[in-house]
Amino acid sequence: MNTYALKNIGKKPVSKNDLIDVLLIDALSPLVWYNLGDIFAREKNYEDSMYGFLICALMNRTDTEAWFNSFITAWNSNNLHLIEPIIQVGYRFNKEKYITLIYDFLDDLPTMPDNTLISDLYDFIESITNKENKNNNGKPTVRIFDNEKFQNIEDLVKET
């Protein structure tokens, strides 16, 4: 195996060729895929960037930044058909932390002539988060924003 690329990681700016050499040694390195995504994004090659970030996110499922970057690069590459599954799977592993990043991004977008896509995206995100709420023995239950805990609404009212 050629370890030249491995020896140079961290010593100089990483090149695409060095990262590809490392992938030949370890194709499941999330850091390499993330760095490839970053390089492609700087080159404005958003589709390849999206795949780099997405592969990183799938291997390192709690990497909120990789999930968010895969969403952003899918948006920039006009791969709108991939936005839905990226949001859905990213939310499954990262909950509110991930959705907050997406909401902040959408809130900062300049107004567009046709806001249908943005509105549909908000509705889709809302439908995903609502699926996470549960109904416990006929009592309404809500998701508390600590990413995991479900609590009965009646218990919440008693606490206040």
Protein backbone atom coordinates (compact mmCIF):
# COMPACT_ATOMS: atom_id res chain seq x y z
CA MET A 1 0.00 0.00 0.00
CA ASN A 2 1.11 3.53 -0.72
CA THR A 3 1.35 5.31 2.66
CA TYR A 4 2.74 8.55 1.24
CA ALA A 5 -0.70 10.17 1.40
CA LEU A 6 -1.20 9.04 4.99
CA LYS A 7 2.13 10.52 6.05
CA ASN A 8 1.21 13.91 4.57
CA ILE A 9 -2.21 14.24 6.18
CA GLY A 10 -2.07 17.19 8.56
CA LYS A 11 1.34 18.40 7.36
CA LYS A 12 0.21 20.38 4.35
CA PRO A 13 -3.08 21.32 2.73
CA VAL A 14 -4.76 18.08 1.77
CA SER A 15 -5.16 17.50 -1.94
CA LYS A 16 -7.89 15.56 -3.64
CA ASN A 17 -5.31 13.05 -4.91
CA ASP A 18 -4.00 12.41 -1.38
CA LEU A 19 -7.54 11.80 -0.14
CA ILE A 20 -8.25 9.40 -2.99
CA ASP A 21 -5.02 7.54 -2.17
CA VAL A 22 -6.19 7.22 1.44
CA LEU A 23 -9.58 5.93 0.23
CA LEU A 24 -7.76 3.14 -1.59
CA ILE A 25 -6.35 2.15 1.80
CA ASP A 26 -9.46 2.82 3.92
CA ALA A 27 -12.65 3.47 1.95
CA LEU A 28 -14.66 3.77 5.17
CA SER A 29 -12.87 6.78 6.64
CA PRO A 30 -15.52 9.40 7.44
CA LEU A 31 -12.86 12.10 7.78
CA VAL A 32 -11.61 11.50 4.24
CA TRP A 33 -15.13 11.64 2.82
CA TYR A 34 -15.84 14.83 4.77
CA ASN A 35 -12.66 16.46 3.47
CA LEU A 36 -13.50 15.40 -0.09
CA GLY A 37 -16.93 16.97 0.34
CA ASP A 38 -15.27 20.14 1.57
CA ILE A 39 -12.87 20.28 -1.38
CA PHE A 40 -15.66 19.66 -3.91
CA ALA A 41 -17.80 22.37 -2.26
CA ARG A 42 -14.96 24.90 -2.55
CA GLU A 43 -14.73 23.95 -6.24
CA LYS A 44 -18.51 24.51 -6.52
CA ASN A 45 -18.95 20.86 -7.51
CA TYR A 46 -21.97 20.53 -5.24
CA GLU A 47 -23.17 17.14 -6.41
CA ASP A 48 -19.89 15.37 -5.65
CA SER A 49 -19.64 17.41 -2.46
CA MET A 50 -23.09 16.18 -1.40
CA TYR A 51 -22.04 12.56 -1.90
CA GLY A 52 -18.84 13.09 0.11
CA PHE A 53 -20.70 14.64 3.03
CA LEU A 54 -23.49 12.07 2.80
CA ILE A 55 -21.10 9.11 2.87
CA CYS A 56 -19.37 10.68 5.88
CA ALA A 57 -22.73 11.21 7.61
CA LEU A 58 -23.86 7.65 6.96
CA MET A 59 -20.66 6.25 8.45
CA ASN A 60 -20.64 8.69 11.37
CA ARG A 61 -24.39 8.99 11.94
CA THR A 62 -24.25 11.54 14.77
CA ASP A 63 -22.11 14.00 12.79
CA THR A 64 -24.70 16.78 12.57
CA GLU A 65 -22.39 18.97 10.53
CA ALA A 66 -21.94 16.31 7.84
CA TRP A 67 -25.72 15.79 7.64
CA PHE A 68 -26.29 19.53 7.40
CA ASN A 69 -23.59 19.94 4.75
CA SER A 70 -25.11 17.11 2.71
CA PHE A 71 -28.45 18.95 2.89
CA ILE A 72 -26.88 22.28 1.83
CA THR A 73 -24.94 20.77 -1.05
CA ALA A 74 -28.00 18.82 -2.23
CA TRP A 75 -29.86 22.15 -2.18
CA ASN A 76 -27.07 23.89 -4.12
CA SER A 77 -26.77 21.08 -6.66
CA ASN A 78 -30.54 21.10 -7.28
CA ASN A 79 -30.77 17.44 -6.23
CA LEU A 80 -34.06 18.30 -4.60
CA HIS A 81 -35.24 14.68 -4.76
CA LEU A 82 -32.49 13.79 -2.27
CA ILE A 83 -33.34 16.51 0.23
CA GLU A 84 -36.28 14.59 1.68
CA PRO A 85 -34.35 11.41 2.58
CA ILE A 86 -31.35 13.44 3.80
CA ILE A 87 -33.60 15.35 6.19
CA GLN A 88 -35.45 12.23 7.27
CA VAL A 89 -32.41 10.09 8.04
CA GLY A 90 -30.39 12.99 9.46
CA TYR A 91 -33.25 13.77 11.82
CA ARG A 92 -33.50 10.15 12.93
CA PHE A 93 -29.93 10.27 14.22
CA ASN A 94 -29.55 13.90 15.32
CA LYS A 95 -33.06 15.10 16.25
CA GLU A 96 -33.58 18.78 17.09
CA LYS A 97 -29.94 19.80 16.77
CA TYR A 98 -30.06 18.94 13.06
CA ILE A 99 -33.51 20.38 12.38
CA THR A 100 -32.51 23.65 14.06
CA LEU A 101 -29.63 24.02 11.60
CA ILE A 102 -32.00 23.50 8.68
CA TYR A 103 -34.57 25.94 10.07
CA ASP A 104 -31.84 28.57 10.57
CA PHE A 105 -30.73 28.05 6.97
CA LEU A 106 -34.29 28.36 5.63
CA ASP A 107 -34.95 31.44 7.77
CA ASP A 108 -31.86 33.16 6.34
CA LEU A 109 -32.81 32.54 2.70
CA PRO A 110 -33.72 35.66 0.78
CA THR A 111 -37.36 35.81 -0.21
CA MET A 112 -38.02 33.95 -3.41
CA PRO A 113 -40.66 34.66 -6.03
CA ASP A 114 -42.15 31.20 -5.45
CA ASN A 115 -42.00 30.17 -1.80
CA THR A 116 -43.84 26.90 -2.48
CA LEU A 117 -40.66 24.83 -2.12
CA ILE A 118 -39.77 26.47 1.20
CA SER A 119 -43.32 26.07 2.49
CA ASP A 120 -43.40 22.42 1.41
CA LEU A 121 -40.05 21.86 3.12
CA TYR A 122 -41.33 23.33 6.40
CA ASP A 123 -44.43 21.11 6.13
CA PHE A 124 -42.27 18.06 5.43
CA ILE A 125 -40.01 18.77 8.41
CA GLU A 126 -43.06 19.26 10.60
CA SER A 127 -44.49 15.92 9.45
CA ILE A 128 -41.21 14.16 10.29
CA THR A 129 -41.00 15.64 13.76
CA ASN A 130 -44.68 14.92 14.45
CA LYS A 131 -44.15 11.23 13.62
CA GLU A 132 -41.69 11.12 16.49
CA ASN A 133 -44.42 12.06 18.98
CA LYS A 134 -46.18 9.12 20.56
CA ASN A 135 -49.57 8.39 22.01
CA ASN A 136 -49.17 6.57 25.33
CA ASN A 137 -52.24 4.69 26.62
CA GLY A 138 -54.61 7.24 25.11
CA LYS A 139 -52.79 10.12 26.81
CA PRO A 140 -51.22 12.79 24.61
CA THR A 141 -47.44 12.67 24.81
CA VAL A 142 -44.94 15.19 23.50
CA ARG A 143 -41.28 15.06 22.61
CA ILE A 144 -39.17 17.14 24.97
CA PHE A 145 -36.28 18.83 23.19
CA ASP A 146 -33.51 16.85 24.81
CA ASN A 147 -33.53 14.64 21.70
CA GLU A 148 -34.86 11.49 23.37
CA LYS A 149 -37.33 11.98 26.18
CA PHE A 150 -41.09 11.61 25.74
CA GLN A 151 -43.27 12.97 28.50
CA ASN A 152 -46.99 12.89 29.19
CA ILE A 153 -48.59 16.34 28.76
CA GLU A 154 -50.56 15.92 31.99
CA ASP A 155 -47.30 15.34 33.88
CA LEU A 156 -45.84 18.49 32.36
CA VAL A 157 -48.82 20.55 33.54
CA LYS A 158 -48.52 19.16 37.08
CA GLU A 159 -44.85 20.20 37.18
CA THR A 160 -45.63 23.84 36.37
